[in-house]
Protein backbone atom coordinates (compact mmCIF):
# COMPACT_ATOMS: atom_id res chain seq x y z
CA MET A 1 -1.12 -79.47 -2.19
CA LYS A 2 -0.98 -78.06 1.31
CA ILE A 3 -2.42 -74.55 1.15
CA LEU A 4 -2.69 -71.79 3.77
CA LEU A 5 -5.14 -68.97 3.08
CA LEU A 6 -3.92 -66.24 5.42
CA GLY A 7 -6.51 -63.60 6.27
CA ASP A 8 -10.00 -63.07 4.88
CA TYR A 9 -12.53 -60.46 3.81
CA SER A 10 -16.26 -61.14 3.42
CA ASN A 11 -15.76 -64.92 3.50
CA CYS A 12 -13.79 -64.91 0.24
CA HIS A 13 -10.92 -67.12 1.41
CA ARG A 14 -13.27 -69.38 3.35
CA THR A 15 -15.36 -69.97 0.23
CA LEU A 16 -12.25 -70.42 -1.90
CA ALA A 17 -11.14 -73.08 0.59
CA THR A 18 -14.41 -74.94 -0.03
CA GLY A 19 -13.68 -75.07 -3.76
CA LEU A 20 -10.06 -76.10 -3.23
CA ARG A 21 -11.08 -78.92 -0.87
CA ARG A 22 -13.61 -80.21 -3.38
CA LEU A 23 -10.69 -80.45 -5.80
CA GLY A 24 -8.76 -82.59 -3.32
CA HIS A 25 -6.39 -80.17 -1.59
CA ASP A 26 -5.45 -79.74 2.07
CA VAL A 27 -6.49 -76.19 2.99
CA ALA A 28 -6.44 -74.13 6.19
CA VAL A 29 -7.94 -70.67 6.59
CA ALA A 30 -6.35 -68.40 9.21
CA SER A 31 -8.25 -65.17 9.87
CA ASN A 32 -9.82 -62.91 12.46
CA GLY A 33 -13.31 -63.72 11.17
CA THR A 34 -13.50 -60.33 9.44
CA GLY A 35 -14.49 -58.69 12.72
CA TRP A 36 -18.24 -58.35 13.16
CA MET A 37 -18.95 -60.61 10.19
CA ARG A 38 -17.80 -63.62 12.26
CA THR A 39 -16.83 -65.62 9.22
CA GLU A 40 -15.63 -69.17 9.78
CA ARG A 41 -11.93 -70.03 9.99
CA ASP A 42 -9.75 -72.97 10.95
CA ILE A 43 -7.15 -70.87 12.77
CA ASP A 44 -8.04 -67.72 14.68
CA ILE A 45 -5.62 -64.79 14.33
CA SER A 46 -7.78 -62.17 16.02
CA ARG A 47 -6.05 -59.32 17.80
CA ARG A 48 -7.09 -58.29 21.29
CA PRO A 49 -7.45 -54.54 21.97
CA GLY A 50 -4.52 -52.26 22.69
CA LYS A 51 -0.75 -52.51 22.38
CA ALA A 52 -0.69 -55.62 24.52
CA GLY A 53 -3.03 -57.30 22.05
CA GLY A 54 -0.72 -56.41 19.17
CA LEU A 55 2.32 -57.69 21.03
CA ARG A 56 0.54 -60.95 21.84
CA LEU A 57 -0.52 -61.52 18.24
CA TRP A 58 2.98 -60.78 16.96
CA PHE A 59 4.51 -63.18 19.49
CA ASP A 60 2.01 -65.93 18.60
CA LEU A 61 2.74 -65.53 14.88
CA LYS A 62 6.52 -65.39 15.25
CA TYR A 63 7.27 -67.72 18.15
CA GLY A 64 4.08 -69.14 19.66
CA ARG A 65 0.97 -71.14 18.92
CA LEU A 66 0.53 -69.87 15.34
CA ARG A 67 4.09 -70.33 14.11
CA ASP A 68 3.75 -73.87 12.80
CA ALA A 69 0.72 -72.97 10.69
CA LEU A 70 2.79 -70.34 8.87
CA ARG A 71 5.45 -72.71 7.58
CA GLY A 72 5.72 -75.89 5.54
CA ASN A 73 2.94 -75.05 3.07
CA ASP A 74 3.19 -75.49 -0.68
CA ILE A 75 1.15 -72.31 -1.13
CA VAL A 76 0.46 -69.36 1.13
CA ALA A 77 -2.09 -66.86 -0.18
CA VAL A 78 -2.46 -63.65 1.82
CA HIS A 79 -5.72 -61.72 1.61
CA ASP A 80 -3.95 -58.40 1.93
CA ILE A 81 -0.38 -57.16 2.03
CA ASN A 82 -1.31 -56.19 5.61
CA PHE A 83 -2.23 -59.80 6.38
CA ALA A 84 -2.51 -59.31 10.16
CA LEU A 85 -3.49 -56.36 12.35
CA LEU A 86 0.09 -55.32 13.07
CA ARG A 87 2.15 -52.30 12.17
CA PRO A 88 4.43 -52.45 9.10
CA GLY A 89 7.59 -52.91 11.16
CA ARG A 90 6.13 -56.12 12.61
CA LEU A 91 4.70 -57.39 9.33
CA ARG A 92 7.85 -57.06 7.24
CA PRO A 93 9.91 -59.76 8.99
CA LEU A 94 6.85 -62.01 9.17
CA PHE A 95 6.32 -61.65 5.42
CA ASP A 96 9.99 -62.41 4.77
CA ARG A 97 9.71 -65.52 6.91
CA LEU A 98 6.64 -66.65 4.97
CA LYS A 99 8.80 -66.43 1.86
CA ARG A 100 11.60 -68.49 3.40
CA GLU A 101 9.54 -71.22 5.03
CA ASN A 102 6.91 -72.00 2.38
CA GLY A 103 6.90 -73.05 -1.25
CA ALA A 104 5.44 -69.83 -2.65
CA VAL A 105 3.60 -66.75 -1.40
CA PHE A 106 0.81 -65.19 -3.43
CA LEU A 107 -1.57 -62.29 -2.92
CA THR A 108 -5.30 -62.78 -3.32
CA SER A 109 -5.96 -59.24 -4.52
CA MET A 110 -9.25 -58.36 -2.83
CA SER A 111 -8.65 -55.08 -1.02
CA THR A 112 -7.13 -51.65 -1.07
CA ASP A 113 -3.34 -51.50 -1.16
CA ILE A 114 -0.71 -49.20 -2.61
CA ALA A 115 -0.90 -50.92 -6.01
CA TYR A 116 -4.63 -50.17 -6.23
CA LEU A 117 -4.21 -46.60 -4.99
CA ASP A 118 -1.45 -45.92 -7.53
CA MET A 119 -3.77 -47.16 -10.28
CA VAL A 120 -6.86 -45.10 -9.37
CA GLN A 121 -4.96 -41.82 -9.07
CA PRO A 122 -5.46 -39.43 -12.00
CA PRO A 123 -4.46 -38.43 -14.59
CA CYS A 124 -3.37 -41.89 -15.80
CA SER A 125 -6.07 -44.07 -14.23
CA PRO A 126 -7.89 -46.42 -16.62
CA LEU A 127 -11.05 -45.99 -14.52
CA ARG A 128 -13.60 -43.23 -15.05
CA TYR A 129 -14.51 -43.34 -11.38
CA SER A 130 -13.69 -45.11 -8.14
CA GLU A 131 -14.44 -44.64 -4.45
CA TRP A 132 -11.43 -42.27 -4.41
CA PHE A 133 -11.80 -40.21 -7.60
CA VAL A 134 -14.53 -39.27 -10.07
CA GLY A 135 -12.80 -38.17 -13.24
CA ASP A 136 -9.85 -36.09 -12.13
CA GLU A 137 -11.53 -34.87 -8.95
CA PRO A 138 -11.49 -36.39 -5.46
CA SER A 139 -14.68 -38.30 -4.66
CA ARG A 140 -17.15 -37.52 -1.89
CA MET A 141 -15.38 -40.03 0.35
CA HIS A 142 -11.97 -38.56 -0.43
CA ARG A 143 -13.14 -35.00 0.23
CA GLY A 144 -14.90 -36.04 3.42
CA ASN A 145 -11.96 -38.08 4.75
CA PRO A 146 -8.71 -36.57 3.42
CA ALA A 147 -6.79 -38.10 6.32
CA LYS A 148 -7.67 -41.57 5.04
CA TRP A 149 -5.74 -41.01 1.81
CA ASP A 150 -2.82 -39.59 3.79
CA ALA A 151 -2.83 -42.59 6.15
CA TRP A 152 -2.59 -44.98 3.21
CA HIS A 153 0.47 -43.04 2.04
CA ASP A 154 2.33 -43.09 5.34
CA PRO A 155 6.00 -43.71 4.37
CA ALA A 156 6.41 -46.71 6.67
CA LEU A 157 3.27 -48.39 5.29
CA VAL A 158 4.13 -47.62 1.67
CA GLY A 159 7.68 -48.87 2.13
CA TYR A 160 6.54 -52.17 3.60
CA GLN A 161 3.82 -52.68 0.99
CA ARG A 162 6.16 -52.06 -1.93
CA HIS A 163 8.70 -54.45 -0.38
CA ALA A 164 6.07 -57.17 0.02
CA ILE A 165 4.55 -56.70 -3.44
CA ASP A 166 8.01 -56.98 -4.99
CA GLY A 167 8.55 -60.21 -3.03
CA LEU A 168 5.36 -61.97 -4.11
CA ASP A 169 5.53 -64.99 -6.37
CA GLY A 170 2.40 -63.64 -8.01
CA ALA A 171 -1.17 -62.50 -7.39
CA VAL A 172 -4.68 -63.65 -8.25
CA SER A 173 -7.31 -60.91 -8.39
CA VAL A 174 -10.96 -61.28 -7.46
CA LEU A 175 -12.28 -58.05 -9.03
CA TYR A 176 -11.56 -56.24 -12.28
CA GLU A 177 -10.43 -53.06 -10.52
CA TYR A 178 -7.99 -54.84 -8.25
CA HIS A 179 -6.67 -56.74 -11.25
CA LEU A 180 -5.80 -53.48 -13.00
CA GLY A 181 -3.92 -52.28 -9.92
CA ILE A 182 -1.87 -55.37 -9.17
CA GLU A 183 -1.14 -56.05 -12.85
CA ARG A 184 0.31 -52.55 -13.16
CA ALA A 185 2.55 -53.28 -10.16
CA LEU A 186 3.65 -56.83 -11.01
CA GLY A 187 3.28 -57.18 -14.76
CA ALA A 188 0.86 -59.39 -16.66
CA ASP A 189 2.90 -62.59 -16.32
CA ARG A 190 2.75 -62.53 -12.51
CA VAL A 191 -1.00 -61.90 -12.27
CA ALA A 192 -4.14 -63.91 -13.06
CA TYR A 193 -7.85 -63.26 -12.61
CA GLY A 194 -9.69 -65.66 -10.32
CA GLY A 195 -12.97 -63.94 -9.48
CA LEU A 196 -14.93 -63.94 -6.24
CA PRO A 197 -15.96 -67.47 -5.20
CA VAL A 198 -19.55 -68.32 -4.29
CA ASP A 199 -20.60 -71.69 -2.88
CA THR A 200 -23.66 -71.88 -5.10
CA ALA A 201 -24.81 -75.09 -3.40
CA LEU A 202 -25.77 -72.97 -0.37
CA PHE A 203 -28.09 -70.71 -2.38
CA GLU A 204 -31.37 -72.31 -3.36
CA PRO A 205 -32.94 -70.12 -6.06
CA VAL A 206 -35.84 -67.90 -5.02
CA ASP A 207 -39.08 -67.96 -7.00
CA LEU A 208 -39.71 -64.39 -8.18
CA SER A 209 -42.73 -65.18 -10.34
CA ALA A 210 -45.13 -63.56 -7.87
CA VAL A 211 -43.35 -60.18 -7.76
CA GLU A 212 -45.73 -58.64 -10.30
CA GLY A 213 -48.63 -59.09 -7.90
CA GLY A 214 -47.15 -57.31 -4.91
CA LYS A 215 -44.53 -54.85 -3.72
CA VAL A 216 -40.98 -54.97 -4.98
CA LYS A 217 -38.75 -55.62 -1.96
CA LEU A 218 -35.62 -53.49 -2.11
CA PHE A 219 -32.81 -54.64 0.18
CA LEU A 220 -29.77 -52.61 1.24
CA GLY A 221 -27.18 -54.51 3.25
CA ARG A 222 -24.11 -52.59 4.32
CA ASP A 223 -21.28 -51.84 6.70
CA ARG A 224 -22.37 -48.68 8.48
CA THR A 225 -18.76 -47.46 8.62
CA ARG A 226 -18.31 -47.58 4.83
CA LYS A 227 -21.34 -45.69 3.50
CA LEU A 228 -19.33 -43.09 1.58
CA MET A 229 -16.91 -45.69 0.25
CA LYS A 230 -19.67 -47.85 -1.22
CA GLY A 231 -22.14 -45.07 -1.97
CA SER A 232 -24.76 -46.81 0.16
CA ASP A 233 -25.89 -43.44 1.54
CA LEU A 234 -26.96 -42.45 -1.99
CA LEU A 235 -28.52 -45.86 -2.57
CA GLU A 236 -30.58 -45.36 0.59
CA GLU A 237 -31.63 -41.84 -0.42
CA ALA A 238 -32.62 -42.97 -3.90
CA ALA A 239 -34.52 -46.01 -2.59
CA ARG A 240 -36.40 -43.98 0.01
CA GLU A 241 -37.44 -41.52 -2.67
CA VAL A 242 -38.74 -44.34 -4.88
CA VAL A 243 -40.71 -45.81 -1.96
CA ARG A 244 -42.09 -42.33 -1.19
CA ARG A 245 -43.26 -41.96 -4.79
CA HIS A 246 -44.67 -45.50 -5.01
CA PRO A 247 -45.58 -46.70 -1.51
CA ASP A 248 -47.94 -49.31 -2.94
CA ARG A 249 -45.30 -50.76 -5.26
CA ALA A 250 -42.04 -50.83 -3.28
CA GLU A 251 -40.62 -51.26 0.21
CA LEU A 252 -37.10 -50.98 1.60
CA ASP A 253 -35.27 -53.17 4.11
CA ILE A 254 -31.89 -51.94 5.45
CA VAL A 255 -29.55 -54.36 7.24
CA GLU A 256 -26.31 -53.19 8.84
CA ASN A 257 -23.39 -55.04 10.44
CA VAL A 258 -24.96 -58.43 11.07
CA PRO A 259 -22.92 -61.66 11.11
CA PHE A 260 -22.23 -63.17 7.71
CA ASP A 261 -24.42 -66.26 8.01
CA GLU A 262 -27.38 -64.24 9.31
CA PHE A 263 -26.89 -61.73 6.50
CA ARG A 264 -26.92 -64.50 3.89
CA GLN A 265 -30.27 -65.76 5.20
CA ARG A 266 -31.85 -62.29 5.34
CA LEU A 267 -30.75 -61.60 1.79
CA ARG A 268 -33.03 -64.39 0.61
CA GLY A 269 -36.15 -62.37 1.39
CA ALA A 270 -35.37 -59.63 -1.14
CA HIS A 271 -36.29 -59.09 -4.77
CA VAL A 272 -33.79 -56.35 -5.69
CA VAL A 273 -30.53 -56.02 -3.77
CA LEU A 274 -28.77 -52.65 -3.65
CA ASP A 275 -25.03 -53.30 -3.47
CA GLN A 276 -22.72 -50.38 -4.31
CA ILE A 277 -22.21 -47.63 -6.89
CA TYR A 278 -18.47 -46.92 -7.21
CA SER A 279 -17.43 -50.36 -8.46
CA TYR A 280 -17.26 -51.54 -12.05
CA THR A 281 -18.04 -55.04 -10.80
CA PRO A 282 -20.41 -56.94 -8.51
CA ALA A 283 -18.81 -57.91 -5.20
CA THR A 284 -19.73 -60.44 -2.51
CA THR A 285 -23.22 -59.20 -1.57
CA ALA A 286 -24.26 -58.84 -5.20
CA LEU A 287 -22.95 -62.26 -6.22
CA MET A 288 -24.66 -64.00 -3.31
CA ALA A 289 -27.91 -62.28 -4.26
CA MET A 290 -27.44 -63.35 -7.87
CA ALA A 291 -26.82 -66.92 -6.71
CA TYR A 292 -30.29 -66.79 -5.11
CA GLY A 293 -31.64 -65.62 -8.46
CA LEU A 294 -32.31 -62.08 -7.23
CA ASN A 295 -31.81 -58.82 -9.09
CA VAL A 296 -28.89 -56.60 -8.11
CA VAL A 297 -28.04 -52.92 -8.49
CA SER A 298 -24.26 -52.83 -8.50
CA GLY A 299 -21.25 -52.43 -10.75
CA GLY A 300 -21.98 -53.86 -14.17
CA GLU A 301 -19.86 -51.82 -16.55
CA PRO A 302 -19.14 -53.04 -20.09
CA GLU A 303 -15.40 -53.12 -19.29
CA TYR A 304 -16.04 -55.76 -16.62
CA TYR A 305 -18.16 -57.99 -18.86
CA ASP A 306 -15.59 -57.68 -21.65
CA PHE A 307 -12.77 -58.51 -19.22
CA ILE A 308 -14.39 -61.81 -18.16
CA GLY A 309 -15.43 -62.64 -21.72
CA GLU A 310 -19.19 -62.41 -21.15
CA ALA A 311 -20.90 -61.06 -24.28
CA ASP A 312 -24.43 -62.45 -23.93
CA ASN A 313 -25.61 -62.58 -20.31
CA ARG A 314 -25.30 -59.16 -18.65
CA PRO A 315 -27.99 -59.16 -15.94
CA ILE A 316 -26.59 -56.63 -13.43
CA ILE A 317 -28.48 -53.35 -13.14
CA ASN A 318 -25.50 -51.01 -13.53
CA ALA A 319 -25.67 -48.38 -10.78
CA PRO A 320 -25.24 -44.72 -11.81
CA ILE A 321 -23.05 -42.69 -9.47
CA GLU A 322 -25.23 -39.54 -9.52
CA LEU A 323 -28.29 -39.36 -7.25
CA ASP A 324 -30.91 -38.32 -9.83
CA ALA A 325 -29.84 -41.00 -12.31
CA LEU A 326 -29.67 -43.57 -9.52
CA THR A 327 -33.19 -42.70 -8.39
CA ASP A 328 -34.50 -43.01 -11.95
CA CYS A 329 -32.75 -46.38 -12.29
CA LEU A 330 -34.40 -47.77 -9.15
CA GLU A 331 -37.76 -46.31 -10.10
CA GLN A 332 -37.71 -47.97 -13.51
CA THR A 333 -36.83 -51.27 -11.85
CA VAL A 334 -39.83 -50.96 -9.52
CA LEU A 335 -42.15 -49.92 -12.33
CA ARG A 336 -41.17 -52.90 -14.50
CA PRO A 337 -41.70 -55.85 -12.14
CA GLU A 338 -42.37 -58.15 -15.08
CA LEU A 339 -38.64 -58.05 -15.86
CA ILE A 340 -37.50 -59.13 -12.41
CA ALA A 341 -38.03 -62.91 -12.64
CA GLY A 342 -36.21 -63.29 -15.96
CA ARG A 343 -33.34 -61.09 -14.84
CA GLY A 344 -33.10 -63.18 -11.69
CA ARG A 345 -32.79 -66.43 -13.66
CA ARG A 346 -30.02 -64.93 -15.77
CA SER A 347 -28.28 -63.72 -12.60
CA ARG A 348 -28.19 -67.26 -11.23
CA GLU A 349 -26.83 -68.57 -14.54
CA PHE A 350 -24.15 -65.87 -14.48
CA VAL A 351 -22.84 -66.86 -11.05
CA LEU A 352 -22.87 -70.57 -11.87
CA LYS A 353 -20.76 -69.88 -14.95
CA HIS A 354 -18.32 -67.30 -13.60
CA ASN A 355 -18.19 -67.48 -9.80
CA ASP A 356 -18.99 -70.95 -8.50
CA CYS A 357 -16.31 -71.72 -5.92
CA THR A 358 -15.00 -74.76 -7.79
CA VAL A 359 -14.70 -72.80 -11.04
CA VAL A 360 -12.82 -70.04 -9.23
CA ALA A 361 -10.63 -72.50 -7.31
CA ARG A 362 -9.48 -74.09 -10.60
CA ARG A 363 -8.36 -70.66 -11.86
CA PHE A 364 -6.34 -70.10 -8.69
CA LEU A 365 -4.81 -73.57 -8.88
CA ASP A 366 -3.88 -73.27 -12.55
CA PHE A 367 -1.96 -70.07 -11.89
CA TRP A 368 -0.37 -71.19 -8.62
CA THR A 369 0.78 -74.47 -10.20
CA ARG A 370 2.29 -72.73 -13.20
CA LYS A 371 4.23 -70.28 -11.04
CA LEU A 372 5.43 -73.07 -8.75
CA GLN A 373 6.70 -75.02 -11.76
CA GLU A 374 8.51 -71.94 -13.08
CA LYS A 375 10.08 -71.41 -9.67
CA THR A 376 11.46 -74.96 -9.44
CA CYS A 377 12.76 -75.20 -13.03
């Protein structure tokens, strides 16, 4: 099939393209490189600064150099309902044209949208916590940035997003939480779980057998603009406290906003990778670390393991969302270095089974093919 993956976050679509190509499909990735991450793409849809930059991008997508790429595909998968950095009034006709000029349009559910926000809002949320709410109360991020919630609920944005979601041929989720949101919006028959793809061939396992004889290397890689959203400020505070208590047994490396390929290489030098605390699931950083055979502190809730059907191998160090419990969790990890190598081996096995890019690509293809067949019957 001819497939266009439109937009990207954290190299997800680029890695999915690798799996799809290995299965024999013609795939193009069109993205802005996820900003400072500088992820690879086949077609650049970056926006230049200012209104003139927005007008130029809109013109290129509708009439100019990018128009041909947006039509004549068997499958278009958008990374976000807001698939380009344009206002809703510009995106709506572009989305409608995608529907008219391609075989089918799907969402790869990998980011915040109105379906996710509807799902996390109490009192009916199936989640005990999220980056937006803890129980029935607004989270630290929500309290600290109330305008962010309001911006997501701007009537023009909500109207466009609901229109686009209704127009999708279906959606494939990459995380448990996003699956819950988009399934609530579309219904179970129009949604499938794909998982986050990892090109495991790029990640040669690290030998952690010597960890017991030296310091445990804690690694925190993050976007400096999303500390409250991911809880990485609390991860840093907890890690620094553990290093203060045990300076001879632990050290901390913090990496912020470096290009994706450089980040992947720096990750390799860690023993324990601190990912995030408000997710039920491991995301890109955690899964890459696990592919190296490292330990991760991230989302590893029982609901996630049950959802993917994993009863035996549960290697993620599930991150508490309260500072004292988080500090204790990291301290116990540092004080039990003999567990790190075995947990790392199980982490690698986990990613090979659940997240290798070819495994994930087959899930996407199975769902896309089924929906295409239903559409043409």
